[in-house]
Each structure stands twice: as structure tokens, then as C-alpha cells.
Amino acid sequence: MKDILNKLITHKTLSKEEAKNTLVNISSGKYNQFICYIIFDCLHDEKYHIRGT
């Protein structure tokens, strides 16, 4: 999770697999509400992208 947050905060791109795993973990309740807020806040900003490979 730390790697994902660092990528998002530093405007790096998530791979398709990283994005998928992150969403699966969010939906299964593995991340607390604060972590989910940070992820969605970063993804909401147009500077952040999810790249399909």
C-alpha cells in the first residue's frame, strides 16, 4: 500500500494490475477509510492516471 500511495502522491502512473489490486483491496475492506480517502482524492485529480498495459 505504501508504494501505491507514494506513486499517487508523486504523480506517478499506476499499472493496470496495481490499480485493479488496489480497487479489489478497497472493496474487500483491507484498507481503512483514511487510506481510501487519499486514494480517491488522488485519482480524482486529473494529474493522476491509471495506465493499461
PDB file of N, CA and C in Angstrom:
ATOM      1  N   MET A   1       0.818  -1.191   0.000  1.00  0.00           N
ATOM      2  CA  MET A   1       0.000   0.000   0.000  1.00  0.00           C
ATOM      3  C   MET A   1       0.860   1.253   0.000  1.00  0.00           C
ATOM      4  N   LYS A   2       1.954   1.208   0.734  1.00  0.00           N
ATOM      5  CA  LYS A   2       2.833   2.377   0.809  1.00  0.00           C
ATOM      6  C   LYS A   2       3.346   2.763  -0.575  1.00  0.00           C
ATOM      7  N   ASP A   3       3.690   1.758  -1.390  1.00  0.00           N
ATOM      8  CA  ASP A   3       4.180   2.025  -2.748  1.00  0.00           C
ATOM      9  C   ASP A   3       3.111   2.699  -3.603  1.00  0.00           C
ATOM     10  N   ILE A   4       1.888   2.240  -3.474  1.00  0.00           N
ATOM     11  CA  ILE A   4       0.786   2.821  -4.250  1.00  0.00           C
ATOM     12  C   ILE A   4       0.573   4.274  -3.849  1.00  0.00           C
ATOM     13  N   LEU A   5       0.528   4.541  -2.555  1.00  0.00           N
ATOM     14  CA  LEU A   5       0.333   5.916  -2.084  1.00  0.00           C
ATOM     15  C   LEU A   5       1.475   6.812  -2.530  1.00  0.00           C
ATOM     16  N   ASN A   6       2.706   6.316  -2.452  1.00  0.00           N
ATOM     17  CA  ASN A   6       3.855   7.119  -2.901  1.00  0.00           C
ATOM     18  C   ASN A   6       3.751   7.439  -4.387  1.00  0.00           C
ATOM     19  N   LYS A   7       3.336   6.475  -5.181  1.00  0.00           N
ATOM     20  CA  LYS A   7       3.174   6.730  -6.615  1.00  0.00           C
ATOM     21  C   LYS A   7       2.112   7.791  -6.866  1.00  0.00           C
ATOM     22  N   LEU A   8       0.988   7.681  -6.189  1.00  0.00           N
ATOM     23  CA  LEU A   8      -0.096   8.638  -6.399  1.00  0.00           C
ATOM     24  C   LEU A   8       0.286  10.036  -5.939  1.00  0.00           C
ATOM     25  N   ILE A   9       0.916  10.119  -4.790  1.00  0.00           N
ATOM     26  CA  ILE A   9       1.278  11.423  -4.237  1.00  0.00           C
ATOM     27  C   ILE A   9       2.355  12.105  -5.070  1.00  0.00           C
ATOM     28  N   THR A  10       3.233  11.314  -5.692  1.00  0.00           N
ATOM     29  CA  THR A  10       4.311  11.892  -6.501  1.00  0.00           C
ATOM     30  C   THR A  10       3.959  11.935  -7.993  1.00  0.00           C
ATOM     31  N   HIS A  11       2.681  11.808  -8.303  1.00  0.00           N
ATOM     32  CA  HIS A  11       2.166  11.950  -9.667  1.00  0.00           C
ATOM     33  C   HIS A  11       2.687  10.882 -10.618  1.00  0.00           C
ATOM     34  N   LYS A  12       2.962   9.703 -10.116  1.00  0.00           N
ATOM     35  CA  LYS A  12       3.389   8.599 -10.973  1.00  0.00           C
ATOM     36  C   LYS A  12       2.156   7.822 -11.437  1.00  0.00           C
ATOM     37  N   THR A  13       2.338   7.019 -12.456  1.00  0.00           N
ATOM     38  CA  THR A  13       1.239   6.258 -13.052  1.00  0.00           C
ATOM     39  C   THR A  13       1.168   4.852 -12.467  1.00  0.00           C
ATOM     40  N   LEU A  14      -0.050   4.412 -12.162  1.00  0.00           N
ATOM     41  CA  LEU A  14      -0.256   3.043 -11.712  1.00  0.00           C
ATOM     42  C   LEU A  14      -0.426   2.140 -12.922  1.00  0.00           C
ATOM     43  N   SER A  15       0.113   0.948 -12.817  1.00  0.00           N
ATOM     44  CA  SER A  15      -0.139  -0.033 -13.874  1.00  0.00           C
ATOM     45  C   SER A  15      -1.581  -0.527 -13.747  1.00  0.00           C
ATOM     46  N   LYS A  16      -2.054  -1.185 -14.761  1.00  0.00           N
ATOM     47  CA  LYS A  16      -3.410  -1.736 -14.727  1.00  0.00           C
ATOM     48  C   LYS A  16      -3.553  -2.726 -13.572  1.00  0.00           C
ATOM     49  N   GLU A  17      -2.526  -3.552 -13.365  1.00  0.00           N
ATOM     50  CA  GLU A  17      -2.560  -4.552 -12.293  1.00  0.00           C
ATOM     51  C   GLU A  17      -2.562  -3.893 -10.915  1.00  0.00           C
ATOM     52  N   GLU A  18      -1.747  -2.848 -10.730  1.00  0.00           N
ATOM     53  CA  GLU A  18      -1.722  -2.129  -9.446  1.00  0.00           C
ATOM     54  C   GLU A  18      -3.077  -1.494  -9.157  1.00  0.00           C
ATOM     55  N   ALA A  19      -3.665  -0.881 -10.171  1.00  0.00           N
ATOM     56  CA  ALA A  19      -4.970  -0.248  -9.997  1.00  0.00           C
ATOM     57  C   ALA A  19      -6.039  -1.288  -9.659  1.00  0.00           C
ATOM     58  N   LYS A  20      -6.017  -2.401 -10.372  1.00  0.00           N
ATOM     59  CA  LYS A  20      -7.000  -3.465 -10.120  1.00  0.00           C
ATOM     60  C   LYS A  20      -6.865  -3.996  -8.701  1.00  0.00           C
ATOM     61  N   ASN A  21      -5.636  -4.317  -8.287  1.00  0.00           N
ATOM     62  CA  ASN A  21      -5.423  -4.845  -6.934  1.00  0.00           C
ATOM     63  C   ASN A  21      -5.834  -3.843  -5.863  1.00  0.00           C
ATOM     64  N   THR A  22      -5.568  -2.577  -6.111  1.00  0.00           N
ATOM     65  CA  THR A  22      -5.957  -1.547  -5.153  1.00  0.00           C
ATOM     66  C   THR A  22      -7.472  -1.485  -5.005  1.00  0.00           C
ATOM     67  N   LEU A  23      -8.179  -1.510  -6.126  1.00  0.00           N
ATOM     68  CA  LEU A  23      -9.642  -1.467  -6.059  1.00  0.00           C
ATOM     69  C   LEU A  23     -10.229  -2.716  -5.417  1.00  0.00           C
ATOM     70  N   VAL A  24      -9.641  -3.870  -5.703  1.00  0.00           N
ATOM     71  CA  VAL A  24     -10.103  -5.114  -5.070  1.00  0.00           C
ATOM     72  C   VAL A  24      -9.888  -5.035  -3.554  1.00  0.00           C
ATOM     73  N   ASN A  25      -8.739  -4.544  -3.132  1.00  0.00           N
ATOM     74  CA  ASN A  25      -8.455  -4.423  -1.697  1.00  0.00           C
ATOM     75  C   ASN A  25      -9.373  -3.417  -1.017  1.00  0.00           C
ATOM     76  N   ILE A  26      -9.691  -2.332  -1.690  1.00  0.00           N
ATOM     77  CA  ILE A  26     -10.630  -1.353  -1.124  1.00  0.00           C
ATOM     78  C   ILE A  26     -11.998  -1.996  -0.953  1.00  0.00           C
ATOM     79  N   SER A  27     -12.464  -2.682  -1.991  1.00  0.00           N
ATOM     80  CA  SER A  27     -13.808  -3.263  -1.935  1.00  0.00           C
ATOM     81  C   SER A  27     -13.918  -4.400  -0.919  1.00  0.00           C
ATOM     82  N   SER A  28     -12.795  -5.052  -0.621  1.00  0.00           N
ATOM     83  CA  SER A  28     -12.841  -6.135   0.366  1.00  0.00           C
ATOM     84  C   SER A  28     -12.592  -5.639   1.790  1.00  0.00           C
ATOM     85  N   GLY A  29     -12.386  -4.332   1.949  1.00  0.00           N
ATOM     86  CA  GLY A  29     -12.237  -3.753   3.282  1.00  0.00           C
ATOM     87  C   GLY A  29     -10.841  -3.882   3.875  1.00  0.00           C
ATOM     88  N   LYS A  30      -9.833  -4.118   3.049  1.00  0.00           N
ATOM     89  CA  LYS A  30      -8.468  -4.275   3.559  1.00  0.00           C
ATOM     90  C   LYS A  30      -7.828  -2.946   3.947  1.00  0.00           C
ATOM     91  N   TYR A  31      -8.345  -1.842   3.426  1.00  0.00           N
ATOM     92  CA  TYR A  31      -7.778  -0.529   3.725  1.00  0.00           C
ATOM     93  C   TYR A  31      -8.757   0.261   4.580  1.00  0.00           C
ATOM     94  N   ASN A  32      -8.208   1.037   5.500  1.00  0.00           N
ATOM     95  CA  ASN A  32      -9.101   1.837   6.347  1.00  0.00           C
ATOM     96  C   ASN A  32      -9.647   3.030   5.559  1.00  0.00           C
ATOM     97  N   GLN A  33     -10.591   3.712   6.131  1.00  0.00           N
ATOM     98  CA  GLN A  33     -11.314   4.776   5.454  1.00  0.00           C
ATOM     99  C   GLN A  33     -10.384   5.936   5.069  1.00  0.00           C
ATOM    100  N   PHE A  34      -9.409   6.246   5.890  1.00  0.00           N
ATOM    101  CA  PHE A  34      -8.489   7.338   5.602  1.00  0.00           C
ATOM    102  C   PHE A  34      -7.645   7.030   4.363  1.00  0.00           C
ATOM    103  N   ILE A  35      -7.153   5.807   4.257  1.00  0.00           N
ATOM    104  CA  ILE A  35      -6.365   5.403   3.086  1.00  0.00           C
ATOM    105  C   ILE A  35      -7.232   5.482   1.833  1.00  0.00           C
ATOM    106  N   CYS A  36      -8.465   5.037   1.930  1.00  0.00           N
ATOM    107  CA  CYS A  36      -9.373   5.106   0.786  1.00  0.00           C
ATOM    108  C   CYS A  36      -9.607   6.548   0.363  1.00  0.00           C
ATOM    109  N   TYR A  37      -9.753   7.437   1.326  1.00  0.00           N
ATOM    110  CA  TYR A  37      -9.940   8.854   1.013  1.00  0.00           C
ATOM    111  C   TYR A  37      -8.741   9.398   0.237  1.00  0.00           C
ATOM    112  N   ILE A  38      -7.540   9.080   0.679  1.00  0.00           N
ATOM    113  CA  ILE A  38      -6.335   9.558  -0.004  1.00  0.00           C
ATOM    114  C   ILE A  38      -6.289   9.034  -1.439  1.00  0.00           C
ATOM    115  N   ILE A  39      -6.566   7.753  -1.613  1.00  0.00           N
ATOM    116  CA  ILE A  39      -6.532   7.165  -2.957  1.00  0.00           C
ATOM    117  C   ILE A  39      -7.542   7.849  -3.870  1.00  0.00           C
ATOM    118  N   PHE A  40      -8.773   7.985  -3.417  1.00  0.00           N
ATOM    119  CA  PHE A  40      -9.792   8.583  -4.265  1.00  0.00           C
ATOM    120  C   PHE A  40      -9.537  10.061  -4.508  1.00  0.00           C
ATOM    121  N   ASP A  41      -8.971  10.741  -3.532  1.00  0.00           N
ATOM    122  CA  ASP A  41      -8.631  12.144  -3.721  1.00  0.00           C
ATOM    123  C   ASP A  41      -7.563  12.291  -4.801  1.00  0.00           C
ATOM    124  N   CYS A  42      -6.567  11.424  -4.772  1.00  0.00           N
ATOM    125  CA  CYS A  42      -5.510  11.463  -5.790  1.00  0.00           C
ATOM    126  C   CYS A  42      -6.059  11.103  -7.159  1.00  0.00           C
ATOM    127  N   LEU A  43      -6.897  10.084  -7.230  1.00  0.00           N
ATOM    128  CA  LEU A  43      -7.444   9.653  -8.515  1.00  0.00           C
ATOM    129  C   LEU A  43      -8.410  10.681  -9.101  1.00  0.00           C
ATOM    130  N   HIS A  44      -9.015  11.476  -8.238  1.00  0.00           N
ATOM    131  CA  HIS A  44      -9.954  12.490  -8.704  1.00  0.00           C
ATOM    132  C   HIS A  44      -9.232  13.608  -9.441  1.00  0.00           C
ATOM    133  N   ASP A  45      -8.010  13.897  -9.036  1.00  0.00           N
ATOM    134  CA  ASP A  45      -7.217  14.941  -9.665  1.00  0.00           C
ATOM    135  C   ASP A  45      -6.807  14.486 -11.060  1.00  0.00           C
ATOM    136  N   GLU A  46      -6.986  15.321 -12.051  1.00  0.00           N
ATOM    137  CA  GLU A  46      -6.677  14.931 -13.427  1.00  0.00           C
ATOM    138  C   GLU A  46      -5.191  14.696 -13.664  1.00  0.00           C
ATOM    139  N   LYS A  47      -4.346  15.077 -12.735  1.00  0.00           N
ATOM    140  CA  LYS A  47      -2.914  14.858 -12.879  1.00  0.00           C
ATOM    141  C   LYS A  47      -2.557  13.387 -12.730  1.00  0.00           C
ATOM    142  N   TYR A  48      -3.445  12.618 -12.109  1.00  0.00           N
ATOM    143  CA  TYR A  48      -3.160  11.218 -11.833  1.00  0.00           C
ATOM    144  C   TYR A  48      -3.865  10.348 -12.861  1.00  0.00           C
ATOM    145  N   HIS A  49      -3.176   9.353 -13.336  1.00  0.00           N
ATOM    146  CA  HIS A  49      -3.723   8.487 -14.371  1.00  0.00           C
ATOM    147  C   HIS A  49      -3.520   7.033 -14.022  1.00  0.00           C
ATOM    148  N   ILE A  50      -4.388   6.205 -14.554  1.00  0.00           N
ATOM    149  CA  ILE A  50      -4.204   4.760 -14.469  1.00  0.00           C
ATOM    150  C   ILE A  50      -3.951   4.298 -15.898  1.00  0.00           C
ATOM    151  N   ARG A  51      -2.871   3.606 -16.092  1.00  0.00           N
ATOM    152  CA  ARG A  51      -2.423   3.211 -17.433  1.00  0.00           C
ATOM    153  C   ARG A  51      -2.673   1.726 -17.632  1.00  0.00           C
ATOM    154  N   GLY A  52      -3.320   1.367 -18.711  1.00  0.00           N
ATOM    155  CA  GLY A  52      -3.493  -0.026 -19.070  1.00  0.00           C
ATOM    156  C   GLY A  52      -2.275  -0.534 -19.808  1.00  0.00           C
ATOM    157  N   THR A  53      -1.874  -1.775 -19.516  1.00  0.00           N
ATOM    158  CA  THR A  53      -0.712  -2.336 -20.217  1.00  0.00           C
ATOM    159  C   THR A  53      -1.078  -3.642 -20.869  1.00  0.00           C
TER     160      THR A  53
END
